[in-house]
């Protein structure tokens, strides 16, 4: 079942953010993931104070977990952990 990873990310190190974006794609694509959106959110309702939201799509929850724990993603993950504050949640999409 299609799975979405929703991330709130607040970069505090611009150099790490730049490097992260350069090496992020290949690790993501190897596990069938793709970026659906990434940018500053526009609050519509409620008291949201987010600086950047990223939504990724994976073919399955297993693919997401394999990507997150992979050796390809490990250096990317390290950059994010060192350069940003992040919250993440995964949710399975509707069946069609």
Protein backbone atom coordinates (compact mmCIF):
# COMPACT_ATOMS: atom_id res chain seq x y z
CA UNK A 1 0.00 0.00 0.00
CA UNK A 2 1.33 3.43 -0.90
CA UNK A 3 2.94 5.09 2.11
CA UNK A 4 3.63 8.76 2.70
CA UNK A 5 6.34 10.23 4.91
CA UNK A 6 5.45 13.70 6.17
CA UNK A 7 8.35 15.68 7.57
CA UNK A 8 8.54 19.00 9.35
CA UNK A 9 12.09 20.24 8.99
CA UNK A 10 13.80 23.37 10.28
CA UNK A 11 17.36 23.72 8.96
CA UNK A 12 19.79 25.62 11.19
CA UNK A 13 22.88 24.83 9.06
CA UNK A 14 22.56 26.06 5.47
CA UNK A 15 25.71 24.28 4.27
CA UNK A 16 24.44 20.92 5.53
CA UNK A 17 21.03 21.60 3.97
CA UNK A 18 22.66 22.24 0.59
CA UNK A 19 24.76 19.06 0.77
CA UNK A 20 21.71 17.07 1.94
CA UNK A 21 19.69 18.17 -1.08
CA UNK A 22 22.57 17.24 -3.41
CA UNK A 23 22.83 13.62 -2.20
CA UNK A 24 19.25 12.93 -1.11
CA UNK A 25 17.70 11.95 -4.46
CA UNK A 26 19.67 8.83 -5.43
CA UNK A 27 19.16 7.16 -2.03
CA UNK A 28 15.44 7.94 -2.18
CA UNK A 29 14.92 6.72 -5.73
CA UNK A 30 16.71 3.41 -5.12
CA UNK A 31 13.89 2.45 -2.72
CA UNK A 32 11.06 3.60 -4.97
CA UNK A 33 10.57 6.87 -3.14
CA UNK A 34 9.75 10.22 -4.66
CA UNK A 35 9.29 13.74 -3.38
CA UNK A 36 5.72 14.97 -3.77
CA UNK A 37 6.26 18.40 -2.27
CA UNK A 38 8.85 20.35 -0.30
CA UNK A 39 8.60 23.94 0.80
CA UNK A 40 7.15 26.50 3.11
CA UNK A 41 3.59 25.59 4.11
CA UNK A 42 0.69 28.00 3.88
CA UNK A 43 -1.47 27.67 7.01
CA UNK A 44 -5.16 27.46 6.19
CA UNK A 45 -6.60 26.65 9.61
CA UNK A 46 -5.19 26.47 13.12
CA UNK A 47 -2.01 27.79 14.68
CA UNK A 48 0.66 26.12 12.52
CA UNK A 49 4.19 27.49 12.76
CA UNK A 50 6.19 25.32 10.38
CA UNK A 51 9.16 26.51 8.37
CA UNK A 52 9.35 23.67 5.82
CA UNK A 53 7.29 20.56 5.10
CA UNK A 54 8.35 17.65 2.89
CA UNK A 55 6.05 14.85 1.71
CA UNK A 56 7.63 11.70 0.28
CA UNK A 57 5.84 8.78 -1.33
CA UNK A 58 6.94 5.14 -1.19
CA UNK A 59 5.32 2.08 -2.76
CA UNK A 60 4.97 0.40 0.66
CA UNK A 61 5.73 0.89 4.35
CA UNK A 62 8.40 -1.80 4.00
CA UNK A 63 10.11 0.22 1.24
CA UNK A 64 10.08 3.32 3.45
CA UNK A 65 11.59 1.40 6.35
CA UNK A 66 14.22 -0.21 4.10
CA UNK A 67 15.19 3.26 2.77
CA UNK A 68 15.34 4.84 6.23
CA UNK A 69 17.61 2.08 7.55
CA UNK A 70 19.74 1.75 4.42
CA UNK A 71 23.47 2.32 4.06
CA UNK A 72 22.71 4.66 1.13
CA UNK A 73 20.58 6.94 3.30
CA UNK A 74 22.84 6.81 6.39
CA UNK A 75 25.14 9.71 5.37
CA UNK A 76 22.12 11.77 4.28
CA UNK A 77 20.39 11.09 7.58
CA UNK A 78 23.51 12.12 9.48
CA UNK A 79 23.59 15.48 7.67
CA UNK A 80 19.94 16.08 8.52
CA UNK A 81 20.40 15.16 12.18
CA UNK A 82 23.41 17.47 12.46
CA UNK A 83 21.91 20.39 10.54
CA UNK A 84 18.18 20.43 11.28
CA UNK A 85 15.42 19.84 13.77
CA UNK A 86 12.94 17.36 12.35
CA UNK A 87 9.63 15.64 13.09
CA UNK A 88 8.41 12.78 10.89
CA UNK A 89 5.33 10.65 10.59
CA UNK A 90 4.45 7.89 8.12
CA UNK A 91 0.93 7.08 7.00
CA UNK A 92 -0.41 4.55 4.56
CA UNK A 93 -2.52 5.92 1.75
CA UNK A 94 -5.99 4.89 0.65
CA UNK A 95 -6.52 1.69 -1.27
CA UNK A 96 -7.77 2.21 -4.79
